[in-house]
Amino acid sequence: MNKIEHIGIAVKNLDEAIRTYTELLGTECYKTEAVESEGVKTAFFRVGESKIELLEASNETSPIAKFIEKKGEGIHHIAFDVTDIKQSMSDLAAKGFQLLNDQPKNGADNKLVAFLHPKSSNGVLVELCQEKR
């Protein structure tokens, strides 16, 4: 793991959250994007070398909708930048971590992504991110 790539925050209303985080962080949102395969709309802010990703459900069956229904708005996941996502997935699986997907998926912000089940990482959803080449 090279660095914390971003922290994902589940929100009910992306437009309102963008206004809140623009004020809070003192910087503008640099990108919004829909990831249809995950049923989510995202907004990104740069904070030093890391980012904040706001996530709004785009349909009622998305993981973000289920998360908000169960836990309310708040921190959804922490993402780590990796150099080789497939190798990282293999290494972590060999160490006993439970992966939520067998292969990397296309994610927001030009990334390949994979997730670790929170049960294998002390209740935290961990995302692995690799810049698409």
N, C-alpha and C. Protein backbone atom coordinates (compact mmCIF):
# COMPACT_ATOMS: atom_id res chain seq x y z
N MET A 1 0.86 -1.17 0.00
CA MET A 1 0.00 0.00 0.00
C MET A 1 0.91 1.23 0.00
N ASN A 2 0.68 2.09 -0.97
CA ASN A 2 1.54 3.26 -1.14
C ASN A 2 1.13 4.45 -0.28
N LYS A 3 -0.17 4.69 -0.20
CA LYS A 3 -0.70 5.84 0.56
C LYS A 3 -2.21 5.70 0.67
N ILE A 4 -2.80 6.51 1.53
CA ILE A 4 -4.25 6.61 1.55
C ILE A 4 -4.63 7.38 0.29
N GLU A 5 -5.42 6.76 -0.55
CA GLU A 5 -5.83 7.38 -1.81
C GLU A 5 -7.01 8.30 -1.57
N HIS A 6 -8.02 7.78 -0.85
CA HIS A 6 -9.15 8.62 -0.49
C HIS A 6 -9.94 7.99 0.65
N ILE A 7 -10.79 8.81 1.23
CA ILE A 7 -11.76 8.35 2.21
C ILE A 7 -13.13 8.56 1.58
N GLY A 8 -13.94 7.51 1.54
CA GLY A 8 -15.27 7.58 0.95
C GLY A 8 -16.31 7.88 2.01
N ILE A 9 -17.16 8.86 1.73
CA ILE A 9 -18.19 9.28 2.67
C ILE A 9 -19.56 9.16 1.99
N ALA A 10 -20.44 8.35 2.57
CA ALA A 10 -21.79 8.17 2.05
C ALA A 10 -22.65 9.37 2.45
N VAL A 11 -23.36 9.93 1.46
CA VAL A 11 -24.22 11.09 1.71
C VAL A 11 -25.59 10.86 1.07
N LYS A 12 -26.59 11.50 1.64
CA LYS A 12 -27.94 11.39 1.08
C LYS A 12 -28.14 12.29 -0.13
N ASN A 13 -27.55 13.48 -0.09
CA ASN A 13 -27.73 14.46 -1.15
C ASN A 13 -26.37 14.99 -1.58
N LEU A 14 -25.94 14.61 -2.75
CA LEU A 14 -24.59 14.96 -3.22
C LEU A 14 -24.43 16.47 -3.38
N ASP A 15 -25.41 17.15 -3.94
CA ASP A 15 -25.28 18.60 -4.14
C ASP A 15 -25.11 19.34 -2.81
N GLU A 16 -25.90 18.97 -1.82
CA GLU A 16 -25.77 19.60 -0.50
C GLU A 16 -24.41 19.27 0.13
N ALA A 17 -23.99 18.03 -0.01
CA ALA A 17 -22.71 17.62 0.57
C ALA A 17 -21.54 18.33 -0.12
N ILE A 18 -21.63 18.54 -1.43
CA ILE A 18 -20.58 19.28 -2.13
C ILE A 18 -20.46 20.69 -1.56
N ARG A 19 -21.60 21.34 -1.33
CA ARG A 19 -21.56 22.69 -0.74
C ARG A 19 -20.93 22.64 0.65
N THR A 20 -21.31 21.66 1.46
CA THR A 20 -20.78 21.54 2.82
C THR A 20 -19.26 21.32 2.80
N TYR A 21 -18.80 20.39 1.97
CA TYR A 21 -17.37 20.07 1.95
C TYR A 21 -16.54 21.14 1.27
N THR A 22 -17.13 21.90 0.35
CA THR A 22 -16.42 23.05 -0.23
C THR A 22 -16.11 24.05 0.87
N GLU A 23 -17.09 24.30 1.72
CA GLU A 23 -16.88 25.22 2.85
C GLU A 23 -15.92 24.63 3.88
N LEU A 24 -16.14 23.38 4.23
CA LEU A 24 -15.33 22.72 5.25
C LEU A 24 -13.86 22.66 4.85
N LEU A 25 -13.59 22.24 3.62
CA LEU A 25 -12.21 22.02 3.18
C LEU A 25 -11.57 23.25 2.57
N GLY A 26 -12.38 24.25 2.23
CA GLY A 26 -11.83 25.46 1.63
C GLY A 26 -11.30 25.24 0.22
N THR A 27 -11.88 24.28 -0.46
CA THR A 27 -11.47 23.99 -1.84
C THR A 27 -12.68 23.51 -2.62
N GLU A 28 -12.60 23.63 -3.93
CA GLU A 28 -13.70 23.23 -4.79
C GLU A 28 -13.65 21.74 -5.11
N CYS A 29 -14.79 21.17 -5.36
CA CYS A 29 -14.90 19.81 -5.89
C CYS A 29 -14.26 19.84 -7.28
N TYR A 30 -13.34 18.91 -7.55
CA TYR A 30 -12.66 18.94 -8.85
C TYR A 30 -13.28 17.98 -9.87
N LYS A 31 -14.17 17.09 -9.43
CA LYS A 31 -14.72 16.14 -10.37
C LYS A 31 -15.98 15.50 -9.79
N THR A 32 -17.00 15.34 -10.63
CA THR A 32 -18.15 14.52 -10.29
C THR A 32 -18.26 13.45 -11.36
N GLU A 33 -18.79 12.31 -10.97
CA GLU A 33 -18.84 11.18 -11.90
C GLU A 33 -19.89 10.19 -11.43
N ALA A 34 -20.58 9.59 -12.38
CA ALA A 34 -21.51 8.50 -12.08
C ALA A 34 -20.83 7.19 -12.41
N VAL A 35 -20.96 6.22 -11.51
CA VAL A 35 -20.48 4.86 -11.77
C VAL A 35 -21.74 3.99 -11.77
N GLU A 36 -22.30 3.83 -12.96
CA GLU A 36 -23.58 3.13 -13.10
C GLU A 36 -23.53 1.70 -12.58
N SER A 37 -22.41 1.02 -12.81
CA SER A 37 -22.30 -0.38 -12.38
C SER A 37 -22.40 -0.54 -10.87
N GLU A 38 -22.08 0.52 -10.12
CA GLU A 38 -22.15 0.48 -8.66
C GLU A 38 -23.37 1.23 -8.13
N GLY A 39 -24.13 1.87 -9.02
CA GLY A 39 -25.30 2.62 -8.59
C GLY A 39 -24.96 3.80 -7.71
N VAL A 40 -23.93 4.57 -8.13
CA VAL A 40 -23.45 5.65 -7.29
C VAL A 40 -23.05 6.86 -8.13
N LYS A 41 -23.27 8.04 -7.53
CA LYS A 41 -22.74 9.29 -8.07
C LYS A 41 -21.68 9.77 -7.09
N THR A 42 -20.56 10.25 -7.61
CA THR A 42 -19.44 10.62 -6.76
C THR A 42 -19.01 12.06 -6.99
N ALA A 43 -18.34 12.62 -5.99
CA ALA A 43 -17.71 13.93 -6.09
C ALA A 43 -16.39 13.85 -5.34
N PHE A 44 -15.36 14.45 -5.91
CA PHE A 44 -14.02 14.36 -5.34
C PHE A 44 -13.45 15.72 -4.96
N PHE A 45 -12.75 15.72 -3.83
CA PHE A 45 -12.02 16.88 -3.33
C PHE A 45 -10.58 16.45 -3.05
N ARG A 46 -9.62 17.28 -3.38
CA ARG A 46 -8.22 17.04 -3.01
C ARG A 46 -7.95 17.66 -1.65
N VAL A 47 -7.26 16.89 -0.81
CA VAL A 47 -6.84 17.37 0.50
C VAL A 47 -5.40 16.92 0.67
N GLY A 48 -4.45 17.81 0.41
CA GLY A 48 -3.05 17.41 0.42
C GLY A 48 -2.82 16.35 -0.63
N GLU A 49 -2.19 15.24 -0.25
CA GLU A 49 -1.94 14.14 -1.18
C GLU A 49 -3.10 13.15 -1.25
N SER A 50 -4.10 13.34 -0.41
CA SER A 50 -5.24 12.42 -0.38
C SER A 50 -6.48 13.11 -0.95
N LYS A 51 -7.56 12.35 -1.00
CA LYS A 51 -8.81 12.88 -1.53
C LYS A 51 -9.97 12.46 -0.61
N ILE A 52 -11.03 13.21 -0.73
CA ILE A 52 -12.31 12.85 -0.12
C ILE A 52 -13.24 12.53 -1.27
N GLU A 53 -13.93 11.38 -1.19
CA GLU A 53 -14.92 11.00 -2.19
C GLU A 53 -16.29 10.98 -1.52
N LEU A 54 -17.18 11.82 -2.01
CA LEU A 54 -18.56 11.80 -1.54
C LEU A 54 -19.34 10.86 -2.43
N LEU A 55 -20.20 10.02 -1.84
CA LEU A 55 -20.94 9.01 -2.59
C LEU A 55 -22.43 9.11 -2.30
N GLU A 56 -23.22 9.28 -3.36
CA GLU A 56 -24.68 9.30 -3.26
C GLU A 56 -25.23 8.14 -4.07
N ALA A 57 -26.18 7.42 -3.51
CA ALA A 57 -26.81 6.32 -4.24
C ALA A 57 -27.59 6.87 -5.43
N SER A 58 -27.48 6.20 -6.56
CA SER A 58 -28.27 6.60 -7.73
C SER A 58 -29.48 5.70 -7.91
N ASN A 59 -29.58 4.66 -7.09
CA ASN A 59 -30.78 3.83 -7.08
C ASN A 59 -30.91 3.18 -5.70
N GLU A 60 -32.09 2.68 -5.40
CA GLU A 60 -32.36 2.17 -4.04
C GLU A 60 -31.69 0.84 -3.73
N THR A 61 -31.13 0.16 -4.73
CA THR A 61 -30.47 -1.12 -4.47
C THR A 61 -28.95 -1.00 -4.42
N SER A 62 -28.42 0.19 -4.55
CA SER A 62 -26.96 0.36 -4.55
C SER A 62 -26.38 0.10 -3.15
N PRO A 63 -25.12 -0.28 -3.09
CA PRO A 63 -24.49 -0.47 -1.78
C PRO A 63 -24.54 0.78 -0.91
N ILE A 64 -24.49 1.96 -1.51
CA ILE A 64 -24.54 3.20 -0.72
C ILE A 64 -25.93 3.39 -0.12
N ALA A 65 -26.98 3.10 -0.88
CA ALA A 65 -28.34 3.19 -0.34
C ALA A 65 -28.51 2.25 0.85
N LYS A 66 -28.01 1.03 0.70
CA LYS A 66 -28.11 0.05 1.79
C LYS A 66 -27.30 0.50 3.01
N PHE A 67 -26.11 1.05 2.77
CA PHE A 67 -25.27 1.54 3.86
C PHE A 67 -25.98 2.64 4.63
N ILE A 68 -26.53 3.64 3.92
CA ILE A 68 -27.20 4.76 4.57
C ILE A 68 -28.45 4.29 5.32
N GLU A 69 -29.18 3.35 4.74
CA GLU A 69 -30.37 2.82 5.41
C GLU A 69 -29.98 2.15 6.73
N LYS A 70 -28.87 1.44 6.74
CA LYS A 70 -28.45 0.69 7.92
C LYS A 70 -27.71 1.56 8.94
N LYS A 71 -26.80 2.42 8.45
CA LYS A 71 -25.91 3.15 9.36
C LYS A 71 -26.05 4.66 9.31
N GLY A 72 -26.74 5.18 8.31
CA GLY A 72 -26.83 6.62 8.14
C GLY A 72 -25.63 7.15 7.36
N GLU A 73 -25.61 8.45 7.16
CA GLU A 73 -24.51 9.07 6.44
C GLU A 73 -23.22 8.94 7.25
N GLY A 74 -22.10 8.90 6.56
CA GLY A 74 -20.83 8.86 7.27
C GLY A 74 -19.76 8.14 6.47
N ILE A 75 -18.65 7.88 7.13
CA ILE A 75 -17.52 7.24 6.46
C ILE A 75 -17.93 5.85 6.00
N HIS A 76 -17.76 5.61 4.73
CA HIS A 76 -18.14 4.34 4.10
C HIS A 76 -16.93 3.43 3.91
N HIS A 77 -15.80 3.99 3.46
CA HIS A 77 -14.61 3.17 3.23
C HIS A 77 -13.35 4.01 3.25
N ILE A 78 -12.23 3.32 3.35
CA ILE A 78 -10.91 3.95 3.19
C ILE A 78 -10.23 3.24 2.04
N ALA A 79 -9.66 4.03 1.14
CA ALA A 79 -9.04 3.48 -0.07
C ALA A 79 -7.54 3.70 -0.03
N PHE A 80 -6.82 2.67 -0.44
CA PHE A 80 -5.36 2.73 -0.49
C PHE A 80 -4.89 2.60 -1.93
N ASP A 81 -3.94 3.43 -2.30
CA ASP A 81 -3.30 3.35 -3.61
C ASP A 81 -2.35 2.17 -3.62
N VAL A 82 -2.43 1.35 -4.66
CA VAL A 82 -1.51 0.22 -4.83
C VAL A 82 -0.91 0.29 -6.23
N THR A 83 0.27 -0.27 -6.39
CA THR A 83 0.96 -0.25 -7.67
C THR A 83 0.42 -1.30 -8.62
N ASP A 84 0.13 -2.50 -8.10
CA ASP A 84 -0.35 -3.62 -8.91
C ASP A 84 -1.54 -4.24 -8.18
N ILE A 85 -2.73 -3.89 -8.61
CA ILE A 85 -3.94 -4.30 -7.87
C ILE A 85 -4.12 -5.81 -7.87
N LYS A 86 -3.84 -6.46 -8.98
CA LYS A 86 -4.01 -7.92 -9.02
C LYS A 86 -3.04 -8.61 -8.06
N GLN A 87 -1.81 -8.14 -8.02
CA GLN A 87 -0.83 -8.72 -7.09
C GLN A 87 -1.23 -8.44 -5.64
N SER A 88 -1.70 -7.21 -5.37
CA SER A 88 -2.15 -6.87 -4.02
C SER A 88 -3.31 -7.74 -3.59
N MET A 89 -4.26 -7.97 -4.50
CA MET A 89 -5.40 -8.84 -4.20
C MET A 89 -4.92 -10.25 -3.88
N SER A 90 -4.02 -10.77 -4.67
CA SER A 90 -3.49 -12.11 -4.47
C SER A 90 -2.75 -12.22 -3.14
N ASP A 91 -1.91 -11.23 -2.86
CA ASP A 91 -1.14 -11.23 -1.61
C ASP A 91 -2.06 -11.18 -0.39
N LEU A 92 -3.08 -10.31 -0.44
CA LEU A 92 -3.98 -10.18 0.70
C LEU A 92 -4.84 -11.43 0.87
N ALA A 93 -5.29 -12.02 -0.23
CA ALA A 93 -6.06 -13.27 -0.13
C ALA A 93 -5.22 -14.37 0.48
N ALA A 94 -3.95 -14.44 0.11
CA ALA A 94 -3.04 -15.45 0.67
C ALA A 94 -2.83 -15.25 2.17
N LYS A 95 -2.98 -14.02 2.63
CA LYS A 95 -2.83 -13.71 4.06
C LYS A 95 -4.13 -13.91 4.83
N GLY A 96 -5.20 -14.32 4.12
CA GLY A 96 -6.47 -14.61 4.78
C GLY A 96 -7.51 -13.52 4.72
N PHE A 97 -7.25 -12.43 4.01
CA PHE A 97 -8.25 -11.37 3.87
C PHE A 97 -9.30 -11.81 2.86
N GLN A 98 -10.55 -11.49 3.15
CA GLN A 98 -11.65 -11.87 2.28
C GLN A 98 -11.92 -10.75 1.27
N LEU A 99 -11.77 -11.07 -0.01
CA LEU A 99 -12.03 -10.12 -1.07
C LEU A 99 -13.51 -10.16 -1.44
N LEU A 100 -14.07 -9.00 -1.77
CA LEU A 100 -15.47 -8.95 -2.19
C LEU A 100 -15.63 -9.17 -3.69
N ASN A 101 -14.54 -9.09 -4.43
CA ASN A 101 -14.59 -9.37 -5.85
C ASN A 101 -13.32 -10.13 -6.26
N ASP A 102 -13.48 -11.00 -7.27
CA ASP A 102 -12.36 -11.83 -7.72
C ASP A 102 -11.40 -11.10 -8.65
N GLN A 103 -11.91 -10.11 -9.36
CA GLN A 103 -11.13 -9.34 -10.30
C GLN A 103 -11.34 -7.85 -10.03
N PRO A 104 -10.36 -7.01 -10.37
CA PRO A 104 -10.58 -5.56 -10.22
C PRO A 104 -11.74 -5.10 -11.10
N LYS A 105 -12.42 -4.05 -10.64
CA LYS A 105 -13.53 -3.47 -11.37
C LYS A 105 -13.17 -2.03 -11.74
N ASN A 106 -13.87 -1.50 -12.73
CA ASN A 106 -13.71 -0.09 -13.06
C ASN A 106 -14.38 0.73 -11.98
N GLY A 107 -13.63 1.70 -11.45
CA GLY A 107 -14.16 2.59 -10.43
C GLY A 107 -14.14 4.02 -10.91
N ALA A 108 -14.46 4.92 -10.03
CA ALA A 108 -14.46 6.35 -10.35
C ALA A 108 -13.03 6.87 -10.42
N ASP A 109 -12.88 8.03 -10.99
CA ASP A 109 -11.61 8.78 -11.01
C ASP A 109 -10.49 8.02 -11.71
N ASN A 110 -10.84 7.28 -12.78
CA ASN A 110 -9.87 6.56 -13.61
C ASN A 110 -9.11 5.49 -12.84
N LYS A 111 -9.81 4.75 -11.99
CA LYS A 111 -9.18 3.73 -11.15
C LYS A 111 -9.75 2.34 -11.43
N LEU A 112 -8.89 1.35 -11.23
CA LEU A 112 -9.31 -0.03 -11.05
C LEU A 112 -9.45 -0.22 -9.56
N VAL A 113 -10.50 -0.90 -9.11
CA VAL A 113 -10.75 -1.03 -7.67
C VAL A 113 -11.10 -2.46 -7.28
N ALA A 114 -10.83 -2.77 -6.03
CA ALA A 114 -11.24 -4.04 -5.42
C ALA A 114 -11.47 -3.74 -3.94
N PHE A 115 -12.33 -4.54 -3.32
CA PHE A 115 -12.69 -4.29 -1.93
C PHE A 115 -12.41 -5.51 -1.06
N LEU A 116 -12.03 -5.23 0.20
CA LEU A 116 -11.88 -6.26 1.22
C LEU A 116 -13.13 -6.23 2.10
N HIS A 117 -13.63 -7.40 2.44
CA HIS A 117 -14.80 -7.48 3.31
C HIS A 117 -14.46 -6.89 4.68
N PRO A 118 -15.35 -6.05 5.22
CA PRO A 118 -15.08 -5.46 6.54
C PRO A 118 -14.84 -6.48 7.65
N LYS A 119 -15.41 -7.68 7.52
CA LYS A 119 -15.21 -8.71 8.55
C LYS A 119 -13.74 -9.12 8.66
N SER A 120 -12.98 -8.93 7.59
CA SER A 120 -11.58 -9.34 7.64
C SER A 120 -10.64 -8.16 7.91
N SER A 121 -11.21 -6.97 8.10
CA SER A 121 -10.38 -5.79 8.38
C SER A 121 -10.98 -4.93 9.50
N ASN A 122 -11.32 -5.59 10.58
CA ASN A 122 -11.81 -4.96 11.80
C ASN A 122 -12.98 -4.00 11.58
N GLY A 123 -13.92 -4.41 10.73
CA GLY A 123 -15.13 -3.65 10.53
C GLY A 123 -15.03 -2.50 9.54
N VAL A 124 -13.88 -2.36 8.87
CA VAL A 124 -13.67 -1.27 7.92
C VAL A 124 -13.68 -1.83 6.50
N LEU A 125 -14.51 -1.24 5.62
CA LEU A 125 -14.47 -1.58 4.21
C LEU A 125 -13.22 -0.95 3.62
N VAL A 126 -12.33 -1.78 3.10
CA VAL A 126 -11.07 -1.31 2.53
C VAL A 126 -11.14 -1.45 1.01
N GLU A 127 -10.77 -0.38 0.33
CA GLU A 127 -10.72 -0.37 -1.14
C GLU A 127 -9.27 -0.29 -1.58
N LEU A 128 -8.92 -1.10 -2.55
CA LEU A 128 -7.63 -1.01 -3.20
C LEU A 128 -7.84 -0.26 -4.51
N CYS A 129 -6.95 0.68 -4.84
CA CYS A 129 -7.09 1.51 -6.04
C CYS A 129 -5.79 1.49 -6.83
N GLN A 130 -5.92 1.31 -8.12
CA GLN A 130 -4.78 1.44 -9.01
C GLN A 130 -5.18 2.33 -10.17
N GLU A 131 -4.36 3.30 -10.48
CA GLU A 131 -4.61 4.15 -11.64
C GLU A 131 -4.65 3.29 -12.89
N LYS A 132 -5.64 3.50 -13.76
CA LYS A 132 -5.71 2.76 -15.01
C LYS A 132 -4.54 3.19 -15.89
N ARG A 133 -3.96 2.22 -16.55
CA ARG A 133 -2.81 2.51 -17.42
C ARG A 133 -3.22 2.53 -18.85
